[in-house]
């Protein structure tokens, strides 16, 4: 598959075939640690014609894009699918907002977690193409007290128990408590790895469900740092 949703909201339902959707947001890039080092990544958000029980539209977050128009870049390929045209040397991602598409969403379950993936994406030129409902609030327009809500304002009740991916795993200990790993810099990540992980191995320490999630996420971070040639740094936790 093309795009994978890693938001902390309930995954968009699977579809039996193509459904109408429209781009309602392109988020600001955030730095994240990858096996190739630090990279900026962002998401494209779609609002679909499917409705929730409360009547509000479903949204699907397509994460993992990097700001590259390279011929092999996923962003370039999906711009072509969304707009029907190949981008030039420069492309304003804001121009994607309001673009109608047809898409198919399928589910994949890994380690008891369900992920929604777009397996088909194409420009919709039909007269009845979907238009934005006007209910979605873009990430950049949200108030600070709503900053942790990574979906539309009408999606508040759809937070599942498990985070999706190491980036969205929340720290529950120490001075970083309440923050998602993707928002921590490299020194903070290494502090957790070098100081907190050993503390969980001490005699008498009882591992909680939150510990298990954070340990698994930090294991992924360690692999990425090792692949990128990361060198341990002095840090206090």
Protein backbone atom coordinates (compact mmCIF):
# COMPACT_ATOMS: atom_id res chain seq x y z
CA UNK A 1 0.00 0.00 0.00
CA UNK A 2 0.13 3.68 -0.74
CA UNK A 3 -0.60 5.53 2.51
CA UNK A 4 -0.94 4.39 6.07
CA UNK A 5 -2.87 6.12 8.79
CA UNK A 6 -1.05 6.38 12.12
CA UNK A 7 -3.26 8.78 13.95
CA UNK A 8 -4.48 8.10 17.47
CA UNK A 9 -8.11 8.14 16.31
CA UNK A 10 -10.20 5.12 15.38
CA UNK A 11 -9.26 3.87 11.91
CA UNK A 12 -11.56 4.80 9.05
CA UNK A 13 -13.93 1.90 8.21
CA UNK A 14 -13.01 -0.40 5.35
CA UNK A 15 -14.83 0.24 2.08
CA UNK A 16 -16.31 -2.31 -0.32
CA UNK A 17 -15.17 -0.21 -3.27
CA UNK A 18 -14.26 3.38 -4.21
CA UNK A 19 -15.95 6.09 -2.15
CA UNK A 20 -15.99 9.86 -2.53
CA UNK A 21 -13.57 11.93 -0.46
CA UNK A 22 -12.00 15.38 -0.44
CA UNK A 23 -8.70 16.75 0.86
CA UNK A 24 -9.36 18.98 3.88
CA UNK A 25 -5.87 19.45 5.32
CA UNK A 26 -2.15 19.22 4.65
CA UNK A 27 -0.41 19.41 8.02
CA UNK A 28 2.79 21.30 8.75
CA UNK A 29 5.94 19.14 8.58
CA UNK A 30 7.33 17.78 11.84
CA UNK A 31 10.81 16.42 12.41
CA UNK A 32 10.94 12.70 13.10
CA UNK A 33 13.73 10.12 13.51
CA UNK A 34 14.04 7.59 10.66
CA UNK A 35 16.66 5.01 9.74
CA UNK A 36 18.08 7.66 7.43
CA UNK A 37 18.35 10.24 10.19
CA UNK A 38 16.02 13.13 11.00
CA UNK A 39 13.43 13.92 8.37
CA UNK A 40 10.43 16.23 8.13
CA UNK A 41 7.13 14.42 7.66
CA UNK A 42 3.54 15.55 7.27
CA UNK A 43 0.07 14.20 6.59
CA UNK A 44 -2.69 14.69 4.04
CA UNK A 45 -6.16 14.51 5.59
CA UNK A 46 -9.22 13.34 3.71
CA UNK A 47 -12.86 13.82 4.65
CA UNK A 48 -15.04 11.05 3.21
CA UNK A 49 -18.70 10.60 2.40
CA UNK A 50 -19.13 7.98 5.14
CA UNK A 51 -20.89 9.21 8.27
CA UNK A 52 -20.34 8.35 11.91
CA UNK A 53 -23.18 7.56 14.29
CA UNK A 54 -23.45 11.23 15.23
CA UNK A 55 -23.79 12.23 11.57
CA UNK A 56 -20.32 13.81 11.24
CA UNK A 57 -18.05 12.78 8.33
CA UNK A 58 -15.25 10.28 8.77
CA UNK A 59 -11.71 11.50 8.18
CA UNK A 60 -8.64 9.54 7.14
CA UNK A 61 -5.11 10.73 7.94
CA UNK A 62 -2.45 9.68 5.43
CA UNK A 63 0.86 10.06 7.29
CA UNK A 64 4.49 9.65 6.37
CA UNK A 65 4.95 12.14 3.52
CA UNK A 66 8.30 13.90 3.15
CA UNK A 67 8.51 17.28 1.31
CA UNK A 68 10.12 15.83 -1.81
CA UNK A 69 9.06 15.93 -5.45
CA UNK A 70 11.59 13.29 -6.45
CA UNK A 71 10.33 10.95 -9.18
CA UNK A 72 10.18 8.07 -6.69
CA UNK A 73 8.66 10.10 -3.85
CA UNK A 74 5.26 8.96 -2.58
CA UNK A 75 4.15 12.60 -2.42
CA UNK A 76 4.78 13.14 -6.12
CA UNK A 77 2.94 9.94 -7.05
CA UNK A 78 -0.07 10.88 -4.92
CA UNK A 79 -0.17 14.47 -6.22
CA UNK A 80 -0.61 12.94 -9.68
CA UNK A 81 -3.42 10.72 -8.40
CA UNK A 82 -5.16 13.60 -6.61
CA UNK A 83 -4.82 16.28 -9.29
CA UNK A 84 -4.45 14.24 -12.46
CA UNK A 85 -1.24 16.13 -13.29
CA UNK A 86 2.44 15.78 -12.50
CA UNK A 87 3.86 18.60 -10.36
CA UNK A 88 6.53 20.91 -11.73
CA UNK A 89 9.78 21.86 -10.02
CA UNK A 90 7.77 23.64 -7.33
CA UNK A 91 4.37 22.70 -5.89
CA UNK A 92 2.18 24.44 -3.32
CA UNK A 93 0.61 21.72 -1.18
CA UNK A 94 -2.09 24.21 -0.15
CA UNK A 95 -3.50 23.78 -3.65
CA UNK A 96 -4.52 20.23 -2.67
CA UNK A 97 -7.11 21.52 -0.19
CA UNK A 98 -10.59 21.00 -1.59
CA UNK A 99 -9.50 18.52 -4.27
CA UNK A 100 -12.10 15.72 -4.61
CA UNK A 101 -10.96 12.11 -5.02
CA UNK A 102 -12.19 8.54 -5.08
CA UNK A 103 -10.43 6.14 -2.71
CA UNK A 104 -10.59 2.65 -1.28
CA UNK A 105 -9.62 1.95 2.33
CA UNK A 106 -8.60 -1.47 3.61
CA UNK A 107 -7.60 -2.60 7.10
CA UNK A 108 -4.47 -4.40 8.21
CA UNK A 109 -4.01 -5.80 11.71
CA UNK A 110 -0.53 -6.03 13.23
CA UNK A 111 0.16 -6.93 16.86
CA UNK A 112 -3.54 -6.57 17.70
CA UNK A 113 -3.63 -3.03 16.27
CA UNK A 114 -5.73 -2.15 13.24
CA UNK A 115 -4.42 0.25 10.61
CA UNK A 116 -6.40 1.84 7.80
CA UNK A 117 -4.64 2.03 4.44
CA UNK A 118 -5.54 3.71 1.18
CA UNK A 119 -5.10 1.08 -1.53
CA UNK A 120 -6.69 3.07 -4.36
CA UNK A 121 -6.58 6.82 -4.96
CA UNK A 122 -7.77 8.79 -8.00
CA UNK A 123 -8.93 12.27 -8.96
CA UNK A 124 -12.74 12.63 -8.98
CA UNK A 125 -14.02 14.70 -11.89
CA UNK A 126 -17.69 13.70 -11.53
CA UNK A 127 -20.32 16.47 -11.21
CA UNK A 128 -21.31 15.11 -7.80
CA UNK A 129 -17.74 14.99 -6.45
CA UNK A 130 -17.58 15.48 -2.69
CA UNK A 131 -17.05 18.94 -1.22
CA UNK A 132 -15.71 19.76 2.28
CA UNK A 133 -18.44 19.75 4.92
CA UNK A 134 -16.96 22.85 6.54
CA UNK A 135 -16.89 21.13 9.94
CA UNK A 136 -13.26 20.10 9.88
CA UNK A 137 -10.82 22.42 11.68
CA UNK A 138 -7.32 22.48 10.18
CA UNK A 139 -4.43 21.67 12.50
CA UNK A 140 -2.86 25.11 12.12
CA UNK A 141 -6.16 26.79 13.01
CA UNK A 142 -6.80 24.97 16.24
CA UNK A 143 -6.47 26.66 19.61
CA UNK A 144 -3.59 25.66 21.90
CA UNK A 145 -5.95 23.89 24.27
CA UNK A 146 -7.05 21.68 21.38
CA UNK A 147 -3.51 20.91 20.19
CA UNK A 148 -3.63 17.26 21.23
CA UNK A 149 -6.70 16.60 19.10
CA UNK A 150 -5.17 15.29 15.88
CA UNK A 151 -8.45 14.78 14.04
CA UNK A 152 -11.40 16.95 13.18
CA UNK A 153 -13.11 18.79 16.02
CA UNK A 154 -16.07 16.44 15.66
CA UNK A 155 -13.87 13.37 16.18
CA UNK A 156 -13.22 13.78 19.90
CA UNK A 157 -14.95 10.53 20.94
CA UNK A 158 -12.96 8.30 18.61
CA UNK A 159 -9.69 7.91 20.52
CA UNK A 160 -8.82 4.20 20.75
CA UNK A 161 -6.96 2.71 23.68
CA UNK A 162 -3.77 1.94 21.76
CA UNK A 163 -1.51 4.49 20.00
CA UNK A 164 -0.58 3.80 16.37
CA UNK A 165 3.15 3.63 15.75
CA UNK A 166 6.07 4.67 17.92
CA UNK A 167 5.74 8.33 16.91
CA UNK A 168 2.32 8.66 18.56
CA UNK A 169 3.27 6.74 21.71
CA UNK A 170 2.87 8.98 24.76
CA UNK A 171 5.49 9.17 27.47
CA UNK A 172 3.95 8.54 30.90
CA UNK A 173 6.98 9.02 33.14
CA UNK A 174 9.38 11.76 34.20
CA UNK A 175 9.66 15.28 32.83
CA UNK A 176 8.51 14.18 29.36
CA UNK A 177 5.18 12.79 30.63
CA UNK A 178 2.23 13.63 28.38
CA UNK A 179 4.33 14.21 25.27
CA UNK A 180 4.34 12.02 22.18
CA UNK A 181 7.71 10.59 21.15
CA UNK A 182 7.60 12.34 17.78
CA UNK A 183 7.72 15.69 19.61
CA UNK A 184 10.93 14.88 21.53
CA UNK A 185 14.36 15.76 20.19
CA UNK A 186 17.14 13.19 19.86
CA UNK A 187 18.73 13.95 23.23
CA UNK A 188 15.39 13.47 25.00
CA UNK A 189 14.82 10.14 23.24
CA UNK A 190 18.29 8.99 24.23
CA UNK A 191 17.68 10.07 27.82
CA UNK A 192 14.64 7.79 27.97
CA UNK A 193 16.59 4.94 26.42
CA UNK A 194 19.68 5.31 28.62
CA UNK A 195 18.02 6.12 31.93
CA UNK A 196 14.40 4.98 32.03
CA UNK A 197 14.71 1.62 30.27
CA UNK A 198 17.34 0.32 32.74
CA UNK A 199 15.12 1.40 35.64
CA UNK A 200 12.36 -0.97 34.42
CA UNK A 201 14.75 -3.89 34.77
CA UNK A 202 15.38 -3.27 38.46
CA UNK A 203 14.30 -5.92 40.94
CA UNK A 204 10.74 -5.45 42.13
CA UNK A 205 9.77 -3.13 39.27
CA UNK A 206 6.27 -4.01 38.02
CA UNK A 207 5.81 -3.47 34.26
CA UNK A 208 2.51 -1.78 33.40
CA UNK A 209 0.64 -1.73 30.09
CA UNK A 210 1.90 1.83 29.51
CA UNK A 211 5.45 0.64 30.21
CA UNK A 212 5.12 -2.12 27.61
CA UNK A 213 3.89 0.32 24.95
CA UNK A 214 6.69 2.79 25.67
CA UNK A 215 9.34 0.08 25.80
CA UNK A 216 8.22 -1.29 22.43
CA UNK A 217 8.24 2.19 20.91
CA UNK A 218 11.69 3.00 22.29
CA UNK A 219 12.97 -0.30 20.92
CA UNK A 220 11.97 0.97 17.46
CA UNK A 221 13.68 4.29 18.15
CA UNK A 222 16.89 2.50 19.19
CA UNK A 223 16.92 0.56 15.92
CA UNK A 224 16.43 3.75 13.91
CA UNK A 225 19.16 5.58 15.80
CA UNK A 226 21.54 2.65 15.38
CA UNK A 227 20.82 2.52 11.64
CA UNK A 228 21.44 6.25 11.41
CA UNK A 229 24.73 5.93 13.29
CA UNK A 230 23.41 7.65 16.41
CA UNK A 231 25.96 8.13 19.18
CA UNK A 232 24.85 8.11 22.85
CA UNK A 233 24.83 11.53 24.47
CA UNK A 234 25.00 12.65 28.08
CA UNK A 235 21.47 13.44 29.23
CA UNK A 236 19.66 13.53 32.54
CA UNK A 237 16.18 12.05 32.91
